[in-house]
């Protein structure tokens, strides 16, 4: 790879100030790292898939109306066309087809990971007791995490060729080991 993890991390932090976008980048990175083993070539894909998850929205905070042009250009200039294509295809308005396992995994993991994090943040137990059925119930409530594109969640799962239940469980399992680092663990009771 021509882009190191440290270089990707530094770019993300140079371009992104929003704590919620930084959390989203880290959670999608964790999910994509696990997805490398589920849908990719395992250890051989870990770094590329993790960096894809980390950087997929790196330009959104600074250039929301131009997203993802800046990060795609940055990656192409550094000889990372595979990651650039995956990030282009995750932004479905561009109409770039999700052709590779990396493309399909990012599309399937991005919106749903963000939605699952939102579910965790409103639960006293955080992610520890979150179930697929709870997430699916929240998905039906269009007022909850209203910015999450439910059609994109459906499309991503279809492209990956898995059931929604299985993919929700996959994301929960990928994020759970990092719950405390991501602030998704149990919340202290009020007044404690």
N, C-alpha and C. Protein backbone atom coordinates (compact mmCIF):
# COMPACT_ATOMS: atom_id res chain seq x y z
N UNK A 1 0.83 -1.19 0.00
CA UNK A 1 0.00 0.00 0.00
C UNK A 1 0.87 1.25 0.00
N UNK A 2 0.43 2.25 -0.72
CA UNK A 2 1.20 3.48 -0.78
C UNK A 2 0.79 4.48 0.32
N UNK A 3 -0.35 4.27 0.95
CA UNK A 3 -0.80 5.12 2.05
C UNK A 3 -0.69 4.33 3.34
N UNK A 4 0.05 4.85 4.29
CA UNK A 4 0.20 4.16 5.57
C UNK A 4 -0.99 4.48 6.47
N UNK A 5 -1.17 3.65 7.48
CA UNK A 5 -2.25 3.91 8.44
C UNK A 5 -2.03 5.26 9.13
N UNK A 6 -0.78 5.54 9.53
CA UNK A 6 -0.50 6.81 10.21
C UNK A 6 -0.82 8.01 9.33
N UNK A 7 -0.51 7.89 8.05
CA UNK A 7 -0.81 8.98 7.11
C UNK A 7 -2.33 9.18 7.01
N UNK A 8 -3.08 8.08 6.94
CA UNK A 8 -4.54 8.16 6.87
C UNK A 8 -5.10 8.78 8.15
N UNK A 9 -4.59 8.34 9.29
CA UNK A 9 -5.05 8.85 10.59
C UNK A 9 -4.80 10.36 10.69
N UNK A 10 -3.61 10.78 10.29
CA UNK A 10 -3.27 12.20 10.36
C UNK A 10 -4.14 13.03 9.42
N UNK A 11 -4.39 12.52 8.22
CA UNK A 11 -5.26 13.24 7.29
C UNK A 11 -6.67 13.37 7.86
N UNK A 12 -7.20 12.29 8.38
CA UNK A 12 -8.53 12.33 8.98
C UNK A 12 -8.61 13.43 10.03
N UNK A 13 -7.62 13.49 10.90
CA UNK A 13 -7.65 14.49 11.97
C UNK A 13 -7.35 15.90 11.47
N UNK A 14 -6.62 16.02 10.38
CA UNK A 14 -6.41 17.35 9.78
C UNK A 14 -7.71 17.89 9.17
N UNK A 15 -8.48 17.02 8.57
CA UNK A 15 -9.67 17.43 7.83
C UNK A 15 -10.96 17.37 8.66
N UNK A 16 -10.95 16.68 9.78
CA UNK A 16 -12.19 16.42 10.52
C UNK A 16 -12.06 16.91 11.95
N UNK A 17 -12.91 17.84 12.33
CA UNK A 17 -12.93 18.35 13.70
C UNK A 17 -14.11 17.80 14.50
N UNK A 18 -15.17 17.40 13.82
CA UNK A 18 -16.39 16.95 14.47
C UNK A 18 -16.18 15.65 15.26
N UNK A 19 -16.43 15.66 16.57
CA UNK A 19 -16.30 14.43 17.34
C UNK A 19 -17.20 13.30 16.83
N UNK A 20 -18.40 13.64 16.37
CA UNK A 20 -19.30 12.58 15.88
C UNK A 20 -18.79 11.97 14.58
N UNK A 21 -18.20 12.77 13.71
CA UNK A 21 -17.62 12.22 12.47
C UNK A 21 -16.37 11.41 12.76
N UNK A 22 -15.57 11.82 13.74
CA UNK A 22 -14.40 11.03 14.12
C UNK A 22 -14.83 9.69 14.71
N UNK A 23 -15.88 9.70 15.53
CA UNK A 23 -16.42 8.44 16.06
C UNK A 23 -16.92 7.56 14.93
N UNK A 24 -17.63 8.15 13.97
CA UNK A 24 -18.13 7.38 12.84
C UNK A 24 -16.97 6.75 12.07
N UNK A 25 -15.93 7.51 11.83
CA UNK A 25 -14.76 6.98 11.10
C UNK A 25 -14.15 5.80 11.85
N UNK A 26 -14.01 5.92 13.16
CA UNK A 26 -13.40 4.84 13.94
C UNK A 26 -14.29 3.61 14.00
N UNK A 27 -15.60 3.81 14.11
CA UNK A 27 -16.48 2.63 14.17
C UNK A 27 -16.53 1.93 12.81
N UNK A 28 -16.60 2.69 11.73
CA UNK A 28 -16.61 2.05 10.41
C UNK A 28 -15.27 1.38 10.14
N UNK A 29 -14.19 1.96 10.60
CA UNK A 29 -12.88 1.30 10.48
C UNK A 29 -12.91 -0.06 11.18
N UNK A 30 -13.42 -0.12 12.41
CA UNK A 30 -13.47 -1.38 13.16
C UNK A 30 -14.32 -2.42 12.42
N UNK A 31 -15.44 -1.99 11.88
CA UNK A 31 -16.32 -2.91 11.15
C UNK A 31 -15.65 -3.39 9.87
N UNK A 32 -14.99 -2.49 9.15
CA UNK A 32 -14.33 -2.87 7.90
C UNK A 32 -13.13 -3.79 8.17
N UNK A 33 -12.47 -3.62 9.28
CA UNK A 33 -11.37 -4.52 9.65
C UNK A 33 -11.91 -5.95 9.81
N UNK A 34 -13.04 -6.07 10.47
CA UNK A 34 -13.66 -7.39 10.61
C UNK A 34 -14.20 -7.88 9.27
N UNK A 35 -14.73 -6.97 8.46
CA UNK A 35 -15.29 -7.34 7.15
C UNK A 35 -14.20 -7.90 6.23
N UNK A 36 -12.96 -7.46 6.41
CA UNK A 36 -11.86 -8.00 5.60
C UNK A 36 -11.76 -9.51 5.76
N UNK A 37 -12.10 -9.99 6.93
CA UNK A 37 -12.05 -11.44 7.19
C UNK A 37 -13.33 -12.14 6.74
N UNK A 38 -14.44 -11.45 6.82
CA UNK A 38 -15.73 -12.04 6.46
C UNK A 38 -15.96 -12.04 4.94
N UNK A 39 -15.57 -10.96 4.27
CA UNK A 39 -15.90 -10.79 2.86
C UNK A 39 -14.68 -10.63 1.95
N UNK A 40 -13.52 -10.44 2.55
CA UNK A 40 -12.30 -10.24 1.77
C UNK A 40 -11.33 -11.41 1.93
N UNK A 41 -10.04 -11.08 1.87
CA UNK A 41 -8.99 -12.09 1.92
C UNK A 41 -8.33 -12.16 3.29
N UNK A 42 -9.04 -11.76 4.32
CA UNK A 42 -8.51 -11.86 5.67
C UNK A 42 -7.38 -10.89 5.93
N UNK A 43 -6.31 -11.40 6.54
CA UNK A 43 -5.18 -10.55 6.95
C UNK A 43 -4.59 -9.77 5.78
N UNK A 44 -4.63 -10.35 4.60
CA UNK A 44 -4.07 -9.66 3.42
C UNK A 44 -4.82 -8.37 3.10
N UNK A 45 -6.09 -8.27 3.52
CA UNK A 45 -6.90 -7.08 3.23
C UNK A 45 -7.08 -6.15 4.41
N UNK A 46 -6.61 -6.55 5.59
CA UNK A 46 -6.91 -5.78 6.81
C UNK A 46 -6.58 -4.29 6.69
N UNK A 47 -5.34 -3.96 6.32
CA UNK A 47 -4.95 -2.55 6.32
C UNK A 47 -5.74 -1.75 5.28
N UNK A 48 -5.88 -2.28 4.09
CA UNK A 48 -6.60 -1.56 3.02
C UNK A 48 -8.06 -1.34 3.42
N UNK A 49 -8.71 -2.36 3.96
CA UNK A 49 -10.11 -2.24 4.33
C UNK A 49 -10.30 -1.31 5.53
N UNK A 50 -9.38 -1.38 6.50
CA UNK A 50 -9.46 -0.49 7.66
C UNK A 50 -9.29 0.97 7.24
N UNK A 51 -8.32 1.23 6.39
CA UNK A 51 -8.09 2.61 5.92
C UNK A 51 -9.30 3.10 5.12
N UNK A 52 -9.91 2.22 4.35
CA UNK A 52 -11.11 2.61 3.60
C UNK A 52 -12.21 3.05 4.57
N UNK A 53 -12.43 2.28 5.62
CA UNK A 53 -13.43 2.65 6.61
C UNK A 53 -13.07 3.95 7.32
N UNK A 54 -11.80 4.12 7.65
CA UNK A 54 -11.35 5.30 8.37
C UNK A 54 -11.52 6.57 7.53
N UNK A 55 -11.24 6.48 6.23
CA UNK A 55 -11.20 7.68 5.39
C UNK A 55 -12.46 7.95 4.58
N UNK A 56 -13.45 7.07 4.62
CA UNK A 56 -14.56 7.18 3.66
C UNK A 56 -15.30 8.52 3.73
N UNK A 57 -15.34 9.16 4.89
CA UNK A 57 -16.00 10.47 5.03
C UNK A 57 -15.01 11.56 5.47
N UNK A 58 -13.72 11.34 5.23
CA UNK A 58 -12.70 12.25 5.76
C UNK A 58 -12.85 13.69 5.31
N UNK A 59 -13.43 13.92 4.13
CA UNK A 59 -13.57 15.29 3.63
C UNK A 59 -14.92 15.92 3.95
N UNK A 60 -15.81 15.17 4.58
CA UNK A 60 -17.18 15.65 4.78
C UNK A 60 -17.26 16.87 5.70
N UNK A 61 -16.47 16.87 6.75
CA UNK A 61 -16.54 17.97 7.72
C UNK A 61 -16.10 19.29 7.10
N UNK A 62 -15.05 19.26 6.32
CA UNK A 62 -14.48 20.47 5.73
C UNK A 62 -15.20 20.89 4.44
N UNK A 63 -15.60 19.89 3.63
CA UNK A 63 -16.21 20.18 2.32
C UNK A 63 -17.48 19.36 2.13
N UNK A 64 -18.52 19.58 2.93
CA UNK A 64 -19.71 18.72 2.85
C UNK A 64 -20.39 18.73 1.48
N UNK A 65 -20.37 19.86 0.80
CA UNK A 65 -21.03 19.94 -0.51
C UNK A 65 -20.21 19.31 -1.63
N UNK A 66 -18.96 19.03 -1.35
CA UNK A 66 -18.08 18.44 -2.37
C UNK A 66 -17.70 17.00 -2.05
N UNK A 67 -18.17 16.49 -0.92
CA UNK A 67 -17.86 15.11 -0.50
C UNK A 67 -18.34 14.12 -1.55
N UNK A 68 -17.57 13.12 -1.90
CA UNK A 68 -16.23 12.73 -1.46
C UNK A 68 -15.12 13.11 -2.43
N UNK A 69 -15.30 14.16 -3.19
CA UNK A 69 -14.31 14.53 -4.22
C UNK A 69 -12.89 14.68 -3.69
N UNK A 70 -12.75 15.35 -2.54
CA UNK A 70 -11.41 15.64 -2.03
C UNK A 70 -10.69 14.37 -1.58
N UNK A 71 -11.37 13.50 -0.85
CA UNK A 71 -10.71 12.29 -0.38
C UNK A 71 -10.43 11.34 -1.55
N UNK A 72 -11.33 11.27 -2.51
CA UNK A 72 -11.10 10.43 -3.69
C UNK A 72 -9.89 10.93 -4.46
N UNK A 73 -9.79 12.24 -4.68
CA UNK A 73 -8.63 12.81 -5.38
C UNK A 73 -7.34 12.56 -4.62
N UNK A 74 -7.38 12.75 -3.31
CA UNK A 74 -6.20 12.53 -2.47
C UNK A 74 -5.71 11.09 -2.60
N UNK A 75 -6.63 10.15 -2.56
CA UNK A 75 -6.27 8.73 -2.68
C UNK A 75 -5.75 8.39 -4.08
N UNK A 76 -6.39 8.93 -5.10
CA UNK A 76 -5.92 8.66 -6.47
C UNK A 76 -4.51 9.22 -6.68
N UNK A 77 -4.25 10.41 -6.15
CA UNK A 77 -2.91 11.01 -6.28
C UNK A 77 -1.84 10.17 -5.59
N UNK A 78 -2.23 9.40 -4.61
CA UNK A 78 -1.28 8.57 -3.86
C UNK A 78 -1.28 7.11 -4.33
N UNK A 79 -1.89 6.85 -5.46
CA UNK A 79 -1.85 5.51 -6.02
C UNK A 79 -2.72 4.49 -5.31
N UNK A 80 -3.89 4.92 -4.84
CA UNK A 80 -4.82 4.02 -4.16
C UNK A 80 -6.17 4.01 -4.89
N UNK A 81 -6.20 3.55 -6.15
CA UNK A 81 -7.45 3.58 -6.91
C UNK A 81 -8.53 2.64 -6.34
N UNK A 82 -8.15 1.55 -5.72
CA UNK A 82 -9.13 0.61 -5.17
C UNK A 82 -9.92 1.26 -4.02
N UNK A 83 -9.20 1.93 -3.13
CA UNK A 83 -9.87 2.62 -2.01
C UNK A 83 -10.68 3.79 -2.55
N UNK A 84 -10.11 4.53 -3.50
CA UNK A 84 -10.82 5.67 -4.09
C UNK A 84 -12.13 5.21 -4.72
N UNK A 85 -12.11 4.08 -5.42
CA UNK A 85 -13.33 3.57 -6.07
C UNK A 85 -14.37 3.16 -5.02
N UNK A 86 -13.92 2.49 -3.97
CA UNK A 86 -14.86 2.08 -2.91
C UNK A 86 -15.53 3.30 -2.29
N UNK A 87 -14.76 4.34 -2.03
CA UNK A 87 -15.32 5.55 -1.43
C UNK A 87 -16.25 6.25 -2.42
N UNK A 88 -15.89 6.24 -3.70
CA UNK A 88 -16.78 6.81 -4.72
C UNK A 88 -18.10 6.05 -4.78
N UNK A 89 -18.05 4.73 -4.71
CA UNK A 89 -19.27 3.93 -4.83
C UNK A 89 -20.13 3.98 -3.57
N UNK A 90 -19.52 4.28 -2.41
CA UNK A 90 -20.34 4.37 -1.19
C UNK A 90 -21.23 5.61 -1.22
N UNK A 91 -20.84 6.61 -2.01
CA UNK A 91 -21.65 7.82 -2.16
C UNK A 91 -22.57 7.57 -3.36
N UNK A 92 -23.69 6.95 -3.10
CA UNK A 92 -24.53 6.40 -4.16
C UNK A 92 -25.04 7.45 -5.15
N UNK A 93 -25.07 8.70 -4.75
CA UNK A 93 -25.54 9.75 -5.67
C UNK A 93 -24.62 9.92 -6.88
N UNK A 94 -23.39 9.47 -6.76
CA UNK A 94 -22.46 9.56 -7.89
C UNK A 94 -22.76 8.49 -8.93
N UNK A 95 -23.46 7.44 -8.54
CA UNK A 95 -23.80 6.38 -9.49
C UNK A 95 -22.64 5.48 -9.86
N UNK A 96 -21.59 5.47 -9.06
CA UNK A 96 -20.44 4.58 -9.30
C UNK A 96 -20.83 3.20 -8.78
N UNK A 97 -20.78 2.17 -9.63
CA UNK A 97 -21.22 0.85 -9.18
C UNK A 97 -20.29 0.24 -8.13
N UNK A 98 -20.89 -0.46 -7.19
CA UNK A 98 -20.14 -1.21 -6.18
C UNK A 98 -19.79 -2.56 -6.80
N UNK A 99 -18.55 -2.69 -7.27
CA UNK A 99 -18.15 -3.85 -8.06
C UNK A 99 -17.34 -4.88 -7.28
N UNK A 100 -16.50 -4.43 -6.38
CA UNK A 100 -15.59 -5.35 -5.69
C UNK A 100 -16.12 -5.67 -4.29
N UNK A 101 -15.57 -6.71 -3.66
CA UNK A 101 -15.96 -6.98 -2.27
C UNK A 101 -15.73 -5.77 -1.36
N UNK A 102 -14.64 -5.03 -1.58
CA UNK A 102 -14.39 -3.83 -0.77
C UNK A 102 -15.48 -2.79 -0.99
N UNK A 103 -15.86 -2.54 -2.23
CA UNK A 103 -16.93 -1.59 -2.54
C UNK A 103 -18.22 -1.98 -1.83
N UNK A 104 -18.59 -3.24 -1.99
CA UNK A 104 -19.87 -3.72 -1.43
C UNK A 104 -19.86 -3.69 0.10
N UNK A 105 -18.72 -4.04 0.69
CA UNK A 105 -18.63 -4.03 2.16
C UNK A 105 -18.77 -2.61 2.71
N UNK A 106 -18.08 -1.64 2.10
CA UNK A 106 -18.19 -0.27 2.58
C UNK A 106 -19.61 0.24 2.44
N UNK A 107 -20.23 -0.02 1.31
CA UNK A 107 -21.62 0.41 1.11
C UNK A 107 -22.53 -0.20 2.18
N UNK A 108 -22.34 -1.47 2.47
CA UNK A 108 -23.20 -2.16 3.43
C UNK A 108 -22.90 -1.76 4.87
N UNK A 109 -21.67 -1.38 5.16
CA UNK A 109 -21.29 -1.12 6.55
C UNK A 109 -21.44 0.33 6.98
N UNK A 110 -21.30 1.27 6.07
CA UNK A 110 -21.27 2.68 6.43
C UNK A 110 -22.54 3.16 7.13
N UNK A 111 -23.65 3.20 6.42
CA UNK A 111 -24.89 3.75 6.98
C UNK A 111 -25.37 2.93 8.18
N UNK A 112 -25.30 1.61 8.06
CA UNK A 112 -25.82 0.77 9.13
C UNK A 112 -24.97 0.88 10.39
N UNK A 113 -23.66 1.03 10.25
CA UNK A 113 -22.81 1.23 11.43
C UNK A 113 -23.20 2.53 12.13
N UNK A 114 -23.38 3.59 11.36
CA UNK A 114 -23.80 4.86 11.95
C UNK A 114 -25.13 4.74 12.67
N UNK A 115 -26.04 3.99 12.08
CA UNK A 115 -27.35 3.81 12.69
C UNK A 115 -27.24 3.01 14.00
N UNK A 116 -26.44 1.96 13.98
CA UNK A 116 -26.26 1.14 15.18
C UNK A 116 -25.63 1.95 16.30
N UNK A 117 -24.66 2.80 15.96
CA UNK A 117 -24.07 3.68 16.97
C UNK A 117 -25.14 4.59 17.56
N UNK A 118 -26.00 5.15 16.72
CA UNK A 118 -27.10 6.00 17.22
C UNK A 118 -27.99 5.22 18.18
N UNK A 119 -28.27 3.97 17.85
CA UNK A 119 -29.08 3.12 18.74
C UNK A 119 -28.39 2.95 20.09
N UNK A 120 -27.08 2.73 20.07
CA UNK A 120 -26.32 2.53 21.31
C UNK A 120 -26.36 3.77 22.20
N UNK A 121 -26.31 4.93 21.59
CA UNK A 121 -26.21 6.18 22.35
C UNK A 121 -27.48 6.53 23.10
N UNK A 122 -28.61 5.91 22.76
CA UNK A 122 -29.85 6.20 23.47
C UNK A 122 -30.25 5.07 24.42
N UNK A 123 -29.41 4.06 24.56
CA UNK A 123 -29.70 2.92 25.43
C UNK A 123 -28.87 2.99 26.70
N UNK A 124 -29.47 2.80 27.86
CA UNK A 124 -28.69 2.81 29.10
C UNK A 124 -27.58 1.75 29.10
N UNK A 125 -27.83 0.60 28.46
CA UNK A 125 -26.84 -0.47 28.41
C UNK A 125 -25.90 -0.35 27.22
N UNK A 126 -26.07 0.70 26.41
CA UNK A 126 -25.23 0.86 25.24
C UNK A 126 -25.37 -0.33 24.30
N UNK A 127 -24.25 -0.79 23.80
CA UNK A 127 -24.26 -1.88 22.83
C UNK A 127 -24.40 -3.26 23.49
N UNK A 128 -24.18 -3.33 24.80
CA UNK A 128 -24.09 -4.63 25.47
C UNK A 128 -25.36 -5.48 25.35
N UNK A 129 -26.51 -4.86 25.25
CA UNK A 129 -27.76 -5.63 25.13
C UNK A 129 -28.49 -5.35 23.82
N UNK A 130 -27.82 -4.70 22.88
CA UNK A 130 -28.45 -4.35 21.61
C UNK A 130 -28.65 -5.61 20.77
N UNK A 131 -29.83 -5.76 20.23
CA UNK A 131 -30.15 -6.92 19.39
C UNK A 131 -30.55 -6.47 17.99
N UNK A 132 -30.50 -7.41 17.06
CA UNK A 132 -30.92 -7.12 15.69
C UNK A 132 -32.37 -6.66 15.65
N UNK A 133 -33.21 -7.28 16.46
CA UNK A 133 -34.63 -6.90 16.44
C UNK A 133 -34.83 -5.47 16.93
N UNK A 134 -34.04 -5.03 17.92
CA UNK A 134 -34.12 -3.64 18.39
C UNK A 134 -33.70 -2.66 17.30
N UNK A 135 -32.64 -3.01 16.57
CA UNK A 135 -32.17 -2.14 15.49
C UNK A 135 -33.21 -2.08 14.39
N UNK A 136 -33.78 -3.22 14.02
CA UNK A 136 -34.79 -3.23 12.96
C UNK A 136 -36.02 -2.42 13.35
N UNK A 137 -36.40 -2.48 14.61
CA UNK A 137 -37.54 -1.69 15.08
C UNK A 137 -37.24 -0.20 14.95
N UNK A 138 -36.02 0.21 15.31
CA UNK A 138 -35.63 1.61 15.19
C UNK A 138 -35.55 2.04 13.71
N UNK A 139 -35.13 1.13 12.83
CA UNK A 139 -35.07 1.45 11.40
C UNK A 139 -36.45 1.82 10.85
N UNK A 140 -37.50 1.23 11.41
CA UNK A 140 -38.86 1.53 10.95
C UNK A 140 -39.32 2.91 11.40
N UNK A 141 -38.70 3.44 12.45
CA UNK A 141 -39.05 4.76 12.98
C UNK A 141 -38.23 5.80 12.21
N UNK A 142 -38.84 6.37 11.20
CA UNK A 142 -38.12 7.31 10.31
C UNK A 142 -37.68 8.59 11.02
N UNK A 143 -38.24 8.88 12.18
CA UNK A 143 -37.82 10.08 12.91
C UNK A 143 -36.54 9.83 13.72
N UNK A 144 -36.22 8.57 13.99
CA UNK A 144 -35.00 8.24 14.73
C UNK A 144 -33.83 8.22 13.74
N UNK A 145 -32.75 8.95 14.08
CA UNK A 145 -31.58 9.03 13.20
C UNK A 145 -32.05 9.28 11.76
N UNK A 146 -32.81 10.34 11.62
CA UNK A 146 -33.51 10.62 10.35
C UNK A 146 -32.56 10.80 9.16
N UNK A 147 -31.32 11.18 9.41
CA UNK A 147 -30.39 11.38 8.30
C UNK A 147 -29.87 10.07 7.71
N UNK A 148 -30.07 8.97 8.41
CA UNK A 148 -29.61 7.68 7.89
C UNK A 148 -30.54 7.26 6.76
N UNK A 149 -29.96 6.99 5.61
CA UNK A 149 -30.71 6.62 4.41
C UNK A 149 -31.08 5.13 4.49
N UNK A 150 -32.33 4.85 4.82
CA UNK A 150 -32.81 3.47 4.95
C UNK A 150 -32.70 2.71 3.63
N UNK A 151 -32.90 3.40 2.51
CA UNK A 151 -32.76 2.73 1.21
C UNK A 151 -31.32 2.30 0.97
N UNK A 152 -30.39 3.11 1.43
CA UNK A 152 -28.98 2.75 1.28
C UNK A 152 -28.62 1.56 2.18
N UNK A 153 -29.22 1.49 3.36
CA UNK A 153 -29.02 0.33 4.23
C UNK A 153 -29.50 -0.93 3.52
N UNK A 154 -30.70 -0.86 2.95
CA UNK A 154 -31.26 -2.01 2.22
C UNK A 154 -30.41 -2.38 1.03
N UNK A 155 -30.00 -1.39 0.25
CA UNK A 155 -29.18 -1.62 -0.93
C UNK A 155 -27.85 -2.26 -0.56
N UNK A 156 -27.22 -1.76 0.48
CA UNK A 156 -25.93 -2.30 0.91
C UNK A 156 -26.02 -3.76 1.29
N UNK A 157 -27.04 -4.12 2.04
CA UNK A 157 -27.22 -5.51 2.45
C UNK A 157 -27.48 -6.40 1.23
N UNK A 158 -28.29 -5.90 0.30
CA UNK A 158 -28.56 -6.65 -0.93
C UNK A 158 -27.28 -6.88 -1.72
N UNK A 159 -26.45 -5.85 -1.87
CA UNK A 159 -25.20 -5.98 -2.61
C UNK A 159 -24.26 -6.98 -1.94
N UNK A 160 -24.29 -7.02 -0.63
CA UNK A 160 -23.42 -7.93 0.10
C UNK A 160 -23.95 -9.36 0.06
N UNK A 161 -25.26 -9.51 -0.18
CA UNK A 161 -25.85 -10.84 -0.28
C UNK A 161 -26.07 -11.51 1.06
N UNK A 162 -26.38 -10.72 2.08
CA UNK A 162 -26.63 -11.26 3.42
C UNK A 162 -27.99 -10.76 3.90
N UNK A 163 -28.50 -11.38 4.95
CA UNK A 163 -29.76 -10.91 5.52
C UNK A 163 -29.49 -9.70 6.40
N UNK A 164 -30.50 -8.86 6.55
CA UNK A 164 -30.37 -7.69 7.40
C UNK A 164 -30.05 -8.10 8.83
N UNK A 165 -30.73 -9.12 9.35
CA UNK A 165 -30.46 -9.60 10.71
C UNK A 165 -29.00 -9.99 10.88
N UNK A 166 -28.49 -10.79 9.94
CA UNK A 166 -27.11 -11.25 10.03
C UNK A 166 -26.13 -10.09 9.96
N UNK A 167 -26.42 -9.12 9.10
CA UNK A 167 -25.49 -8.00 8.96
C UNK A 167 -25.52 -7.09 10.19
N UNK A 168 -26.67 -6.90 10.77
CA UNK A 168 -26.76 -6.13 12.02
C UNK A 168 -25.93 -6.81 13.10
N UNK A 169 -26.11 -8.13 13.24
CA UNK A 169 -25.34 -8.88 14.26
C UNK A 169 -23.84 -8.78 13.97
N UNK A 170 -23.47 -8.86 12.70
CA UNK A 170 -22.06 -8.75 12.32
C UNK A 170 -21.48 -7.41 12.78
N UNK A 171 -22.20 -6.33 12.55
CA UNK A 171 -21.71 -5.00 12.94
C UNK A 171 -21.66 -4.86 14.46
N UNK A 172 -22.69 -5.33 15.14
CA UNK A 172 -22.67 -5.29 16.61
C UNK A 172 -21.46 -6.05 17.14
N UNK A 173 -21.21 -7.24 16.59
CA UNK A 173 -20.06 -8.05 17.03
C UNK A 173 -18.73 -7.38 16.73
N UNK A 174 -18.66 -6.63 15.63
CA UNK A 174 -17.41 -5.94 15.26
C UNK A 174 -17.14 -4.74 16.17
N UNK A 175 -18.19 -4.05 16.59
CA UNK A 175 -18.03 -2.84 17.39
C UNK A 175 -17.94 -3.14 18.89
N UNK A 176 -18.60 -4.20 19.34
CA UNK A 176 -18.67 -4.51 20.77
C UNK A 176 -17.32 -4.55 21.50
N UNK A 177 -16.27 -5.15 20.93
CA UNK A 177 -15.00 -5.17 21.66
C UNK A 177 -14.41 -3.78 21.91
N UNK A 178 -14.87 -2.80 21.18
CA UNK A 178 -14.37 -1.42 21.29
C UNK A 178 -15.36 -0.50 22.00
N UNK A 179 -16.38 -1.06 22.60
CA UNK A 179 -17.48 -0.27 23.16
C UNK A 179 -17.00 0.82 24.11
N UNK A 180 -16.12 0.50 25.01
CA UNK A 180 -15.66 1.51 25.97
C UNK A 180 -14.83 2.58 25.29
N UNK A 181 -13.97 2.20 24.34
CA UNK A 181 -13.16 3.18 23.62
C UNK A 181 -14.03 4.14 22.81
N UNK A 182 -15.14 3.64 22.29
CA UNK A 182 -16.02 4.44 21.45
C UNK A 182 -17.14 5.12 22.23
N UNK A 183 -17.21 4.93 23.54
CA UNK A 183 -18.27 5.54 24.34
C UNK A 183 -19.61 4.88 24.12
N UNK A 184 -19.61 3.58 23.82
CA UNK A 184 -20.85 2.87 23.53
C UNK A 184 -21.19 1.82 24.58
N UNK A 185 -20.49 1.89 25.70
CA UNK A 185 -20.76 0.97 26.80
C UNK A 185 -21.92 1.45 27.65
N UNK A 186 -22.21 0.72 28.73
CA UNK A 186 -23.31 1.13 29.61
C UNK A 186 -23.09 2.53 30.17
N UNK A 187 -24.19 3.26 30.33
CA UNK A 187 -24.16 4.62 30.87
C UNK A 187 -24.37 4.56 32.38
N UNK A 188 -23.70 5.41 33.11
CA UNK A 188 -23.97 5.47 34.56
C UNK A 188 -25.42 5.93 34.79
N UNK A 189 -26.04 5.38 35.80
CA UNK A 189 -27.41 5.79 36.13
C UNK A 189 -27.41 7.27 36.54
N UNK A 190 -28.48 7.95 36.19
CA UNK A 190 -28.58 9.37 36.57
C UNK A 190 -28.54 9.51 38.08
N UNK A 191 -27.82 10.51 38.52
CA UNK A 191 -27.70 10.76 39.96
C UNK A 191 -26.58 9.96 40.60
N UNK A 192 -25.87 9.16 39.78
CA UNK A 192 -24.77 8.36 40.34
C UNK A 192 -23.50 9.16 40.38
